[in-house]
Protein backbone atom coordinates (compact mmCIF):
# COMPACT_ATOMS: atom_id res chain seq x y z
CA MET A 1 -10.66 -13.62 8.52
CA SER A 2 -10.79 -9.86 8.93
CA THR A 3 -7.90 -7.78 10.16
CA PRO A 4 -8.41 -4.60 12.21
CA LEU A 5 -7.38 -2.48 9.20
CA LEU A 6 -9.80 -4.28 6.88
CA SER A 7 -12.62 -3.94 9.45
CA THR A 8 -11.91 -0.21 9.68
CA TRP A 9 -12.09 0.12 5.88
CA GLN A 10 -15.33 -1.87 5.72
CA GLY A 11 -16.91 0.33 8.37
CA LEU A 12 -15.77 3.66 6.97
CA SER A 13 -16.12 3.00 3.22
CA ARG A 14 -19.92 2.81 3.51
CA TRP A 15 -20.10 6.54 4.28
CA PRO A 16 -19.63 9.33 1.71
CA ALA A 17 -16.49 10.74 3.37
CA GLY A 18 -15.35 7.34 4.64
CA PRO A 19 -12.65 6.62 2.03
CA TRP A 20 -11.23 10.12 2.57
CA LEU A 21 -11.19 9.61 6.35
CA PHE A 22 -9.56 6.18 5.97
CA SER A 23 -6.88 7.69 3.70
CA ARG A 24 -6.18 10.41 6.25
CA ALA A 25 -5.91 7.85 9.07
CA VAL A 26 -3.39 5.77 7.11
CA CYS A 27 -1.33 8.91 6.40
CA PHE A 28 -1.48 9.86 10.08
CA LYS A 29 0.00 6.46 10.98
CA ALA A 30 2.66 6.68 8.20
CA PRO A 31 3.10 10.44 7.51
CA TYR A 32 5.36 10.21 4.46
CA PHE A 33 2.49 8.84 2.37
CA SER A 34 0.62 12.12 2.82
CA THR A 35 3.08 13.69 0.34
CA ILE A 36 1.09 12.09 -2.50
CA ALA A 37 -2.39 12.80 -1.00
CA PRO A 38 -3.67 9.27 -1.70
CA ARG A 39 -7.32 8.20 -1.76
CA PHE A 40 -8.21 4.56 -1.18
CA VAL A 41 -10.71 3.21 -3.66
CA ALA A 42 -11.02 -0.46 -2.66
CA LEU A 43 -9.56 -2.80 -0.08
CA GLU A 44 -10.05 -6.51 0.49
CA ALA A 45 -7.85 -9.42 1.44
CA GLY A 46 -5.38 -9.82 -1.43
CA ARG A 47 -6.22 -6.55 -3.22
CA CYS A 48 -5.84 -2.81 -2.64
CA GLU A 49 -6.64 0.07 -4.99
CA VAL A 50 -5.37 3.60 -4.35
CA ARG A 51 -5.72 6.76 -6.43
CA MET A 52 -3.31 9.70 -6.62
CA ARG A 53 -4.62 12.89 -8.24
CA ASP A 54 -2.61 14.83 -10.74
CA ARG A 55 -1.25 17.93 -9.02
CA ARG A 56 1.88 20.00 -9.19
CA ALA A 57 3.27 18.60 -5.92
CA VAL A 58 3.84 15.16 -7.54
CA HIS A 59 5.27 16.44 -10.84
CA ASN A 60 8.86 16.29 -12.06
CA HIS A 61 10.65 18.94 -14.11
CA ILE A 62 8.92 17.90 -17.37
CA GLY A 63 5.39 18.03 -15.95
CA SER A 64 4.67 14.32 -15.61
CA VAL A 65 4.22 12.37 -12.39
CA HIS A 66 7.58 11.92 -10.64
CA ALA A 67 9.09 8.43 -10.48
CA ILE A 68 9.42 8.53 -6.69
CA ALA A 69 5.77 9.58 -6.29
CA LEU A 70 4.89 6.43 -8.27
CA CYS A 71 7.14 4.34 -6.00
CA ASN A 72 5.49 5.91 -2.95
CA LEU A 73 2.04 5.05 -4.35
CA ALA A 74 3.16 1.48 -5.05
CA GLU A 75 4.57 0.93 -1.56
CA LEU A 76 1.42 2.36 0.02
CA ALA A 77 -0.89 0.11 -2.00
CA GLY A 78 1.26 -2.98 -1.43
CA GLY A 79 1.71 -2.37 2.29
CA VAL A 80 -1.95 -1.70 3.02
CA MET A 81 -2.94 -4.75 0.97
CA LEU A 82 -0.65 -6.88 3.15
CA ASP A 83 -1.92 -5.29 6.37
CA ALA A 84 -5.44 -6.22 5.29
CA SER A 85 -4.44 -9.75 4.26
CA LEU A 86 -1.87 -11.14 6.70
CA PRO A 87 -2.83 -13.28 9.67
CA ARG A 88 -2.59 -11.31 12.93
CA ASP A 89 0.54 -13.21 14.01
CA MET A 90 2.53 -11.99 10.96
CA ARG A 91 4.09 -8.64 10.01
CA TRP A 92 5.81 -7.22 6.90
CA ILE A 93 8.47 -4.78 5.81
CA PRO A 94 9.60 -3.90 2.26
CA LYS A 95 12.95 -5.43 1.39
CA GLY A 96 13.35 -4.17 -2.17
CA MET A 97 11.49 -2.92 -5.21
CA GLN A 98 11.95 -3.47 -8.94
CA VAL A 99 10.19 -0.93 -11.12
CA GLU A 100 9.42 -0.51 -14.81
CA TYR A 101 8.24 2.74 -16.35
CA ARG A 102 6.02 1.73 -19.26
CA ALA A 103 4.58 5.07 -20.41
CA ARG A 104 4.66 8.75 -19.48
CA ALA A 105 2.67 9.18 -16.27
CA GLN A 106 0.19 12.01 -16.72
CA GLY A 107 -3.11 12.65 -15.00
CA THR A 108 -4.61 10.77 -12.08
CA MET A 109 -2.76 7.54 -11.24
CA HIS A 110 -4.62 4.43 -10.11
CA ALA A 111 -2.59 1.69 -8.36
CA THR A 112 -3.71 -1.89 -7.82
CA ALA A 113 -1.69 -4.17 -5.52
CA THR A 114 -1.98 -7.97 -5.43
CA PRO A 115 0.30 -10.68 -4.03
CA ASP A 116 2.30 -12.77 -6.51
CA ALA A 117 2.19 -15.81 -4.19
CA ALA A 118 0.00 -17.26 -1.45
CA ILE A 119 -0.12 -15.30 1.80
CA ALA A 120 0.40 -17.60 4.75
CA SER A 121 1.27 -17.78 8.42
CA ARG A 122 4.61 -19.50 8.91
CA GLU A 123 6.99 -20.19 11.76
CA SER A 124 9.84 -18.39 10.01
CA GLY A 125 10.13 -15.36 7.76
CA TYR A 126 9.73 -15.51 4.00
CA GLU A 127 9.86 -13.21 1.01
CA LEU A 128 6.52 -12.41 -0.61
CA PRO A 129 6.50 -10.60 -3.95
CA VAL A 130 3.72 -8.03 -4.30
CA ARG A 131 2.81 -6.74 -7.76
CA VAL A 132 1.57 -3.18 -8.13
CA GLU A 133 0.27 -1.92 -11.47
CA VAL A 134 -0.33 1.80 -11.96
CA ARG A 135 -2.61 3.00 -14.75
CA ASP A 136 -3.67 6.44 -15.92
CA ASP A 137 -7.27 7.63 -16.46
CA ALA A 138 -7.32 6.08 -19.94
CA GLY A 139 -6.35 2.67 -18.50
CA THR A 140 -2.83 2.77 -19.93
CA LEU A 141 -0.32 0.83 -17.86
CA VAL A 142 2.34 3.43 -16.97
CA PHE A 143 4.26 1.76 -14.13
CA VAL A 144 4.79 -1.71 -12.67
CA ALA A 145 6.50 -2.49 -9.37
CA ILE A 146 7.38 -5.83 -7.86
CA ILE A 147 7.97 -5.23 -4.16
CA ALA A 148 9.88 -7.87 -2.21
CA MET A 149 8.09 -7.89 1.14
CA TRP A 150 9.69 -9.67 4.08
CA VAL A 151 6.89 -11.39 6.00
CA SER A 152 7.74 -12.77 9.44
CA PRO A 153 6.07 -13.79 12.69
CA ARG A 154 5.36 -11.00 15.17
CA PRO A 155 7.45 -11.33 18.32
CA VAL A 156 5.48 -12.64 21.26
CA ARG A 157 5.45 -10.16 24.14
CA ALA A 158 4.99 -11.10 27.74
CA PRO A 159 1.78 -9.70 29.25
CA GLY A 160 2.44 -6.22 30.58
CA ALA A 161 5.74 -5.88 28.69
CA SER A 162 6.56 -2.46 27.25
CA ARG A 163 6.95 -2.01 23.50
CA ASP A 164 9.93 0.28 24.01
CA PRO A 165 12.95 -1.76 25.21
CA ARG A 166 14.75 1.34 26.59
């Protein structure tokens, strides 16, 4: 099974500027993520890797990577992993996030998102925990997030129905 997002990644990632273009497209769809200038490194069903360079815009007052920038990176990696993994009849939204700061976050951050349970199509909604680990350039684990994602069936629309109910 390949989702439209995963197919887009597979097509673009073969080209030198493809991962950059894919990253820009994701940030165009969800503009807040552009605040961390992410770069996708890998994407497959059940796994997403995203990099965030070290730059002043993501620093806190002591010069390390800000906690909220790390949360932003985690939600991006977890959400894109789910978009690439869920059956087409399912959708997701974050419901909560538990985080642990394990070490001072300095330098480029590399996030890897994986599900903590099986991804499935169901008739009713369910909570799916997604684990995101963030490491620095040396491979040190600096941040861990468990994101509670609410996965539910997409509503069925009548043919020709408008998306906007107004």
